[in-house]
Amino acid sequence: MTTARKTETQYAIEYLDSVMDKIGDGVITNPLIDDSDSHMPFIGFQVKKGTKVFNVWVLRDPEGNGSGHLEIEKA
């Protein structure tokens, strides 16, 4: 039995759905910066959704070497 491989579009849709589940309808409250590496500071923002606060970091991609990706963590 062969399992069909997901397309890049299917992976992208799953990723966007997970972002919306976590922070959709939330409010951006504060900017974030991590300059522990002076050659490549990380930027982000906090999102408040109900009683939860999330730190959202803007990365290149999950591995750090491609186009945009958001890393979302509870604050």
PDB file of N, CA and C in Angstrom:
ATOM      1  N   MET A   1       0.840  -1.183   0.000  1.00  0.00           N
ATOM      2  CA  MET A   1       0.000   0.000   0.000  1.00  0.00           C
ATOM      3  C   MET A   1       0.881   1.241   0.000  1.00  0.00           C
ATOM      4  N   THR A   2       0.568   2.170  -0.852  1.00  0.00           N
ATOM      5  CA  THR A   2       1.334   3.408  -0.984  1.00  0.00           C
ATOM      6  C   THR A   2       0.541   4.565  -0.396  1.00  0.00           C
ATOM      7  N   THR A   3       1.216   5.373   0.412  1.00  0.00           N
ATOM      8  CA  THR A   3       0.588   6.563   0.965  1.00  0.00           C
ATOM      9  C   THR A   3       0.918   7.746   0.064  1.00  0.00           C
ATOM     10  N   ALA A   4      -0.107   8.487  -0.329  1.00  0.00           N
ATOM     11  CA  ALA A   4       0.112   9.649  -1.200  1.00  0.00           C
ATOM     12  C   ALA A   4       0.847  10.738  -0.435  1.00  0.00           C
ATOM     13  N   ARG A   5       1.845  11.317  -1.062  1.00  0.00           N
ATOM     14  CA  ARG A   5       2.605  12.404  -0.460  1.00  0.00           C
ATOM     15  C   ARG A   5       1.798  13.697  -0.576  1.00  0.00           C
ATOM     16  N   LYS A   6       1.832  14.489   0.495  1.00  0.00           N
ATOM     17  CA  LYS A   6       1.151  15.784   0.471  1.00  0.00           C
ATOM     18  C   LYS A   6       1.899  16.731  -0.461  1.00  0.00           C
ATOM     19  N   THR A   7       1.146  17.613  -1.080  1.00  0.00           N
ATOM     20  CA  THR A   7       1.764  18.632  -1.927  1.00  0.00           C
ATOM     21  C   THR A   7       2.233  19.792  -1.059  1.00  0.00           C
ATOM     22  N   GLU A   8       3.072  20.634  -1.606  1.00  0.00           N
ATOM     23  CA  GLU A   8       3.523  21.839  -0.885  1.00  0.00           C
ATOM     24  C   GLU A   8       2.331  22.731  -0.543  1.00  0.00           C
ATOM     25  N   THR A   9       1.353  22.783  -1.428  1.00  0.00           N
ATOM     26  CA  THR A   9       0.150  23.576  -1.171  1.00  0.00           C
ATOM     27  C   THR A   9      -0.615  23.016   0.017  1.00  0.00           C
ATOM     28  N   GLN A  10      -0.728  21.700   0.107  1.00  0.00           N
ATOM     29  CA  GLN A  10      -1.420  21.091   1.252  1.00  0.00           C
ATOM     30  C   GLN A  10      -0.696  21.404   2.564  1.00  0.00           C
ATOM     31  N   TYR A  11       0.642  21.321   2.559  1.00  0.00           N
ATOM     32  CA  TYR A  11       1.406  21.695   3.747  1.00  0.00           C
ATOM     33  C   TYR A  11       1.182  23.163   4.110  1.00  0.00           C
ATOM     34  N   ALA A  12       1.149  24.039   3.105  1.00  0.00           N
ATOM     35  CA  ALA A  12       0.945  25.470   3.348  1.00  0.00           C
ATOM     36  C   ALA A  12      -0.431  25.731   3.946  1.00  0.00           C
ATOM     37  N   ILE A  13      -1.444  25.053   3.438  1.00  0.00           N
ATOM     38  CA  ILE A  13      -2.806  25.228   3.958  1.00  0.00           C
ATOM     39  C   ILE A  13      -2.881  24.760   5.412  1.00  0.00           C
ATOM     40  N   GLU A  14      -2.264  23.635   5.733  1.00  0.00           N
ATOM     41  CA  GLU A  14      -2.242  23.148   7.114  1.00  0.00           C
ATOM     42  C   GLU A  14      -1.534  24.145   8.032  1.00  0.00           C
ATOM     43  N   TYR A  15      -0.422  24.705   7.553  1.00  0.00           N
ATOM     44  CA  TYR A  15       0.320  25.692   8.337  1.00  0.00           C
ATOM     45  C   TYR A  15      -0.537  26.929   8.600  1.00  0.00           C
ATOM     46  N   LEU A  16      -1.177  27.458   7.558  1.00  0.00           N
ATOM     47  CA  LEU A  16      -2.015  28.650   7.720  1.00  0.00           C
ATOM     48  C   LEU A  16      -3.199  28.380   8.649  1.00  0.00           C
ATOM     49  N   ASP A  17      -3.784  27.200   8.538  1.00  0.00           N
ATOM     50  CA  ASP A  17      -4.876  26.840   9.446  1.00  0.00           C
ATOM     51  C   ASP A  17      -4.408  26.828  10.895  1.00  0.00           C
ATOM     52  N   SER A  18      -3.200  26.304  11.143  1.00  0.00           N
ATOM     53  CA  SER A  18      -2.692  26.250  12.517  1.00  0.00           C
ATOM     54  C   SER A  18      -2.398  27.655  13.047  1.00  0.00           C
ATOM     55  N   VAL A  19      -1.890  28.553  12.191  1.00  0.00           N
ATOM     56  CA  VAL A  19      -1.648  29.941  12.604  1.00  0.00           C
ATOM     57  C   VAL A  19      -2.966  30.598  12.977  1.00  0.00           C
ATOM     58  N   MET A  20      -3.979  30.424  12.156  1.00  0.00           N
ATOM     59  CA  MET A  20      -5.271  31.054  12.424  1.00  0.00           C
ATOM     60  C   MET A  20      -5.916  30.475  13.678  1.00  0.00           C
ATOM     61  N   ASP A  21      -5.759  29.176  13.907  1.00  0.00           N
ATOM     62  CA  ASP A  21      -6.305  28.575  15.131  1.00  0.00           C
ATOM     63  C   ASP A  21      -5.664  29.184  16.368  1.00  0.00           C
ATOM     64  N   LYS A  22      -4.357  29.452  16.309  1.00  0.00           N
ATOM     65  CA  LYS A  22      -3.649  29.966  17.476  1.00  0.00           C
ATOM     66  C   LYS A  22      -3.880  31.455  17.704  1.00  0.00           C
ATOM     67  N   ILE A  23      -3.785  32.274  16.657  1.00  0.00           N
ATOM     68  CA  ILE A  23      -3.800  33.725  16.870  1.00  0.00           C
ATOM     69  C   ILE A  23      -4.864  34.483  16.084  1.00  0.00           C
ATOM     70  N   GLY A  24      -5.660  33.785  15.282  1.00  0.00           N
ATOM     71  CA  GLY A  24      -6.724  34.449  14.535  1.00  0.00           C
ATOM     72  C   GLY A  24      -7.676  35.171  15.481  1.00  0.00           C
ATOM     73  N   ASP A  25      -8.109  36.344  15.137  1.00  0.00           N
ATOM     74  CA  ASP A  25      -8.977  37.202  15.953  1.00  0.00           C
ATOM     75  C   ASP A  25      -8.264  37.779  17.174  1.00  0.00           C
ATOM     76  N   GLY A  26      -6.967  37.560  17.302  1.00  0.00           N
ATOM     77  CA  GLY A  26      -6.203  38.150  18.393  1.00  0.00           C
ATOM     78  C   GLY A  26      -5.813  39.581  18.065  1.00  0.00           C
ATOM     79  N   VAL A  27      -5.223  40.250  19.055  1.00  0.00           N
ATOM     80  CA  VAL A  27      -4.813  41.642  18.900  1.00  0.00           C
ATOM     81  C   VAL A  27      -3.302  41.742  19.111  1.00  0.00           C
ATOM     82  N   ILE A  28      -2.613  42.367  18.165  1.00  0.00           N
ATOM     83  CA  ILE A  28      -1.171  42.599  18.318  1.00  0.00           C
ATOM     84  C   ILE A  28      -0.986  43.670  19.382  1.00  0.00           C
ATOM     85  N   THR A  29      -0.161  43.357  20.408  1.00  0.00           N
ATOM     86  CA  THR A  29      -0.039  44.275  21.542  1.00  0.00           C
ATOM     87  C   THR A  29       1.340  44.897  21.698  1.00  0.00           C
ATOM     88  N   ASN A  30       2.406  44.160  21.447  1.00  0.00           N
ATOM     89  CA  ASN A  30       3.754  44.678  21.692  1.00  0.00           C
ATOM     90  C   ASN A  30       4.736  44.179  20.633  1.00  0.00           C
ATOM     91  N   PRO A  31       5.694  45.012  20.245  1.00  0.00           N
ATOM     92  CA  PRO A  31       6.767  44.528  19.376  1.00  0.00           C
ATOM     93  C   PRO A  31       7.773  43.722  20.209  1.00  0.00           C
ATOM     94  N   LEU A  32       8.455  42.788  19.569  1.00  0.00           N
ATOM     95  CA  LEU A  32       9.495  41.989  20.220  1.00  0.00           C
ATOM     96  C   LEU A  32      10.769  42.049  19.393  1.00  0.00           C
ATOM     97  N   ILE A  33      11.913  42.038  20.066  1.00  0.00           N
ATOM     98  CA  ILE A  33      13.197  41.921  19.372  1.00  0.00           C
ATOM     99  C   ILE A  33      14.130  41.088  20.244  1.00  0.00           C
ATOM    100  N   ASP A  34      14.824  40.164  19.602  1.00  0.00           N
ATOM    101  CA  ASP A  34      15.857  39.363  20.265  1.00  0.00           C
ATOM    102  C   ASP A  34      17.139  39.656  19.510  1.00  0.00           C
ATOM    103  N   ASP A  35      17.997  40.475  20.117  1.00  0.00           N
ATOM    104  CA  ASP A  35      19.245  40.853  19.459  1.00  0.00           C
ATOM    105  C   ASP A  35      20.446  40.153  20.100  1.00  0.00           C
ATOM    106  N   SER A  36      20.224  38.936  20.623  1.00  0.00           N
ATOM    107  CA  SER A  36      21.329  38.191  21.226  1.00  0.00           C
ATOM    108  C   SER A  36      22.390  37.834  20.182  1.00  0.00           C
ATOM    109  N   ASP A  37      21.998  37.775  18.911  1.00  0.00           N
ATOM    110  CA  ASP A  37      22.955  37.626  17.814  1.00  0.00           C
ATOM    111  C   ASP A  37      22.942  38.953  17.050  1.00  0.00           C
ATOM    112  N   SER A  38      23.962  39.780  17.274  1.00  0.00           N
ATOM    113  CA  SER A  38      23.964  41.130  16.693  1.00  0.00           C
ATOM    114  C   SER A  38      24.003  41.129  15.165  1.00  0.00           C
ATOM    115  N   HIS A  39      24.399  40.016  14.553  1.00  0.00           N
ATOM    116  CA  HIS A  39      24.450  39.939  13.084  1.00  0.00           C
ATOM    117  C   HIS A  39      23.090  39.609  12.481  1.00  0.00           C
ATOM    118  N   MET A  40      22.201  39.030  13.296  1.00  0.00           N
ATOM    119  CA  MET A  40      20.895  38.660  12.777  1.00  0.00           C
ATOM    120  C   MET A  40      19.855  38.719  13.890  1.00  0.00           C
ATOM    121  N   PRO A  41      19.373  39.922  14.225  1.00  0.00           N
ATOM    122  CA  PRO A  41      18.349  40.014  15.269  1.00  0.00           C
ATOM    123  C   PRO A  41      17.026  39.409  14.786  1.00  0.00           C
ATOM    124  N   PHE A  42      16.293  38.849  15.725  1.00  0.00           N
ATOM    125  CA  PHE A  42      14.975  38.305  15.429  1.00  0.00           C
ATOM    126  C   PHE A  42      13.929  39.342  15.809  1.00  0.00           C
ATOM    127  N   ILE A  43      12.914  39.485  14.963  1.00  0.00           N
ATOM    128  CA  ILE A  43      11.839  40.423  15.247  1.00  0.00           C
ATOM    129  C   ILE A  43      10.536  39.653  15.399  1.00  0.00           C
ATOM    130  N   GLY A  44       9.616  40.256  16.127  1.00  0.00           N
ATOM    131  CA  GLY A  44       8.328  39.621  16.315  1.00  0.00           C
ATOM    132  C   GLY A  44       7.356  40.566  16.981  1.00  0.00           C
ATOM    133  N   PHE A  45       6.292  39.990  17.507  1.00  0.00           N
ATOM    134  CA  PHE A  45       5.259  40.769  18.179  1.00  0.00           C
ATOM    135  C   PHE A  45       4.466  39.848  19.086  1.00  0.00           C
ATOM    136  N   GLN A  46       3.793  40.441  20.064  1.00  0.00           N
ATOM    137  CA  GLN A  46       2.917  39.668  20.933  1.00  0.00           C
ATOM    138  C   GLN A  46       1.487  39.801  20.442  1.00  0.00           C
ATOM    139  N   VAL A  47       0.742  38.716  20.584  1.00  0.00           N
ATOM    140  CA  VAL A  47      -0.675  38.704  20.236  1.00  0.00           C
ATOM    141  C   VAL A  47      -1.457  38.247  21.458  1.00  0.00           C
ATOM    142  N   LYS A  48      -2.483  39.005  21.809  1.00  0.00           N
ATOM    143  CA  LYS A  48      -3.376  38.617  22.896  1.00  0.00           C
ATOM    144  C   LYS A  48      -4.665  38.107  22.269  1.00  0.00           C
ATOM    145  N   LYS A  49      -5.031  36.877  22.648  1.00  0.00           N
ATOM    146  CA  LYS A  49      -6.275  36.270  22.169  1.00  0.00           C
ATOM    147  C   LYS A  49      -7.015  35.755  23.396  1.00  0.00           C
ATOM    148  N   GLY A  50      -8.064  36.442  23.766  1.00  0.00           N
ATOM    149  CA  GLY A  50      -8.768  36.103  25.003  1.00  0.00           C
ATOM    150  C   GLY A  50      -7.850  36.358  26.181  1.00  0.00           C
ATOM    151  N   THR A  51      -7.642  35.337  27.007  1.00  0.00           N
ATOM    152  CA  THR A  51      -6.752  35.475  28.161  1.00  0.00           C
ATOM    153  C   THR A  51      -5.339  34.991  27.865  1.00  0.00           C
ATOM    154  N   LYS A  52      -5.105  34.492  26.665  1.00  0.00           N
ATOM    155  CA  LYS A  52      -3.794  33.961  26.298  1.00  0.00           C
ATOM    156  C   LYS A  52      -2.965  35.006  25.566  1.00  0.00           C
ATOM    157  N   VAL A  53      -1.647  34.980  25.811  1.00  0.00           N
ATOM    158  CA  VAL A  53      -0.715  35.865  25.111  1.00  0.00           C
ATOM    159  C   VAL A  53       0.309  34.979  24.403  1.00  0.00           C
ATOM    160  N   PHE A  54       0.564  35.273  23.132  1.00  0.00           N
ATOM    161  CA  PHE A  54       1.513  34.516  22.330  1.00  0.00           C
ATOM    162  C   PHE A  54       2.629  35.426  21.838  1.00  0.00           C
ATOM    163  N   ASN A  55       3.852  34.916  21.854  1.00  0.00           N
ATOM    164  CA  ASN A  55       4.967  35.578  21.179  1.00  0.00           C
ATOM    165  C   ASN A  55       5.031  35.015  19.769  1.00  0.00           C
ATOM    166  N   VAL A  56       5.048  35.883  18.787  1.00  0.00           N
ATOM    167  CA  VAL A  56       5.101  35.466  17.382  1.00  0.00           C
ATOM    168  C   VAL A  56       6.408  35.986  16.797  1.00  0.00           C
ATOM    169  N   TRP A  57       7.288  35.067  16.422  1.00  0.00           N
ATOM    170  CA  TRP A  57       8.589  35.434  15.851  1.00  0.00           C
ATOM    171  C   TRP A  57       8.551  35.238  14.343  1.00  0.00           C
ATOM    172  N   VAL A  58       9.067  36.199  13.617  1.00  0.00           N
ATOM    173  CA  VAL A  58       9.108  36.140  12.157  1.00  0.00           C
ATOM    174  C   VAL A  58      10.442  35.505  11.764  1.00  0.00           C
ATOM    175  N   LEU A  59      10.366  34.268  11.284  1.00  0.00           N
ATOM    176  CA  LEU A  59      11.558  33.520  10.874  1.00  0.00           C
ATOM    177  C   LEU A  59      11.590  33.415   9.363  1.00  0.00           C
ATOM    178  N   ARG A  60      12.690  32.901   8.855  1.00  0.00           N
ATOM    179  CA  ARG A  60      12.762  32.689   7.412  1.00  0.00           C
ATOM    180  C   ARG A  60      11.897  31.505   7.002  1.00  0.00           C
ATOM    181  N   ASP A  61      11.994  30.408   7.709  1.00  0.00           N
ATOM    182  CA  ASP A  61      11.152  29.223   7.550  1.00  0.00           C
ATOM    183  C   ASP A  61      11.434  28.320   8.744  1.00  0.00           C
ATOM    184  N   PRO A  62      10.790  27.161   8.859  1.00  0.00           N
ATOM    185  CA  PRO A  62      11.019  26.344  10.052  1.00  0.00           C
ATOM    186  C   PRO A  62      12.490  26.005  10.289  1.00  0.00           C
ATOM    187  N   GLU A  63      13.270  25.886   9.230  1.00  0.00           N
ATOM    188  CA  GLU A  63      14.689  25.592   9.370  1.00  0.00           C
ATOM    189  C   GLU A  63      15.558  26.845   9.373  1.00  0.00           C
ATOM    190  N   GLY A  64      14.977  27.997   9.069  1.00  0.00           N
ATOM    191  CA  GLY A  64      15.722  29.251   9.088  1.00  0.00           C
ATOM    192  C   GLY A  64      16.429  29.591   7.796  1.00  0.00           C
ATOM    193  N   ASN A  65      16.052  28.957   6.678  1.00  0.00           N
ATOM    194  CA  ASN A  65      16.813  29.191   5.449  1.00  0.00           C
ATOM    195  C   ASN A  65      15.959  29.456   4.211  1.00  0.00           C
ATOM    196  N   GLY A  66      14.718  29.861   4.397  1.00  0.00           N
ATOM    197  CA  GLY A  66      13.875  30.100   3.227  1.00  0.00           C
ATOM    198  C   GLY A  66      12.919  31.251   3.446  1.00  0.00           C
ATOM    199  N   SER A  67      11.789  31.207   2.755  1.00  0.00           N
ATOM    200  CA  SER A  67      10.840  32.315   2.836  1.00  0.00           C
ATOM    201  C   SER A  67      10.098  32.335   4.174  1.00  0.00           C
ATOM    202  N   GLY A  68       9.271  33.340   4.396  1.00  0.00           N
ATOM    203  CA  GLY A  68       8.663  33.637   5.685  1.00  0.00           C
ATOM    204  C   GLY A  68       7.943  32.519   6.404  1.00  0.00           C
ATOM    205  N   HIS A  69       8.090  32.504   7.732  1.00  0.00           N
ATOM    206  CA  HIS A  69       7.455  31.521   8.601  1.00  0.00           C
ATOM    207  C   HIS A  69       7.285  32.171   9.971  1.00  0.00           C
ATOM    208  N   LEU A  70       6.150  31.925  10.625  1.00  0.00           N
ATOM    209  CA  LEU A  70       5.915  32.465  11.958  1.00  0.00           C
ATOM    210  C   LEU A  70       6.108  31.370  12.988  1.00  0.00           C
ATOM    211  N   GLU A  71       6.890  31.644  14.009  1.00  0.00           N
ATOM    212  CA  GLU A  71       7.049  30.750  15.159  1.00  0.00           C
ATOM    213  C   GLU A  71       6.171  31.317  16.259  1.00  0.00           C
ATOM    214  N   ILE A  72       5.192  30.545  16.719  1.00  0.00           N
ATOM    215  CA  ILE A  72       4.232  31.033  17.711  1.00  0.00           C
ATOM    216  C   ILE A  72       4.403  30.234  18.989  1.00  0.00           C
ATOM    217  N   GLU A  73       4.608  30.956  20.094  1.00  0.00           N
ATOM    218  CA  GLU A  73       4.791  30.311  21.395  1.00  0.00           C
ATOM    219  C   GLU A  73       3.989  31.053  22.443  1.00  0.00           C
ATOM    220  N   LYS A  74       3.540  30.331  23.472  1.00  0.00           N
ATOM    221  CA  LYS A  74       2.870  31.003  24.581  1.00  0.00           C
ATOM    222  C   LYS A  74       3.861  31.887  25.298  1.00  0.00           C
ATOM    223  N   ALA A  75       3.431  33.100  25.659  1.00  0.00           N
ATOM    224  CA  ALA A  75       4.314  34.049  26.348  1.00  0.00           C
ATOM    225  C   ALA A  75       4.465  33.674  27.809  1.00  0.00           C
TER     226      ALA A  75
END
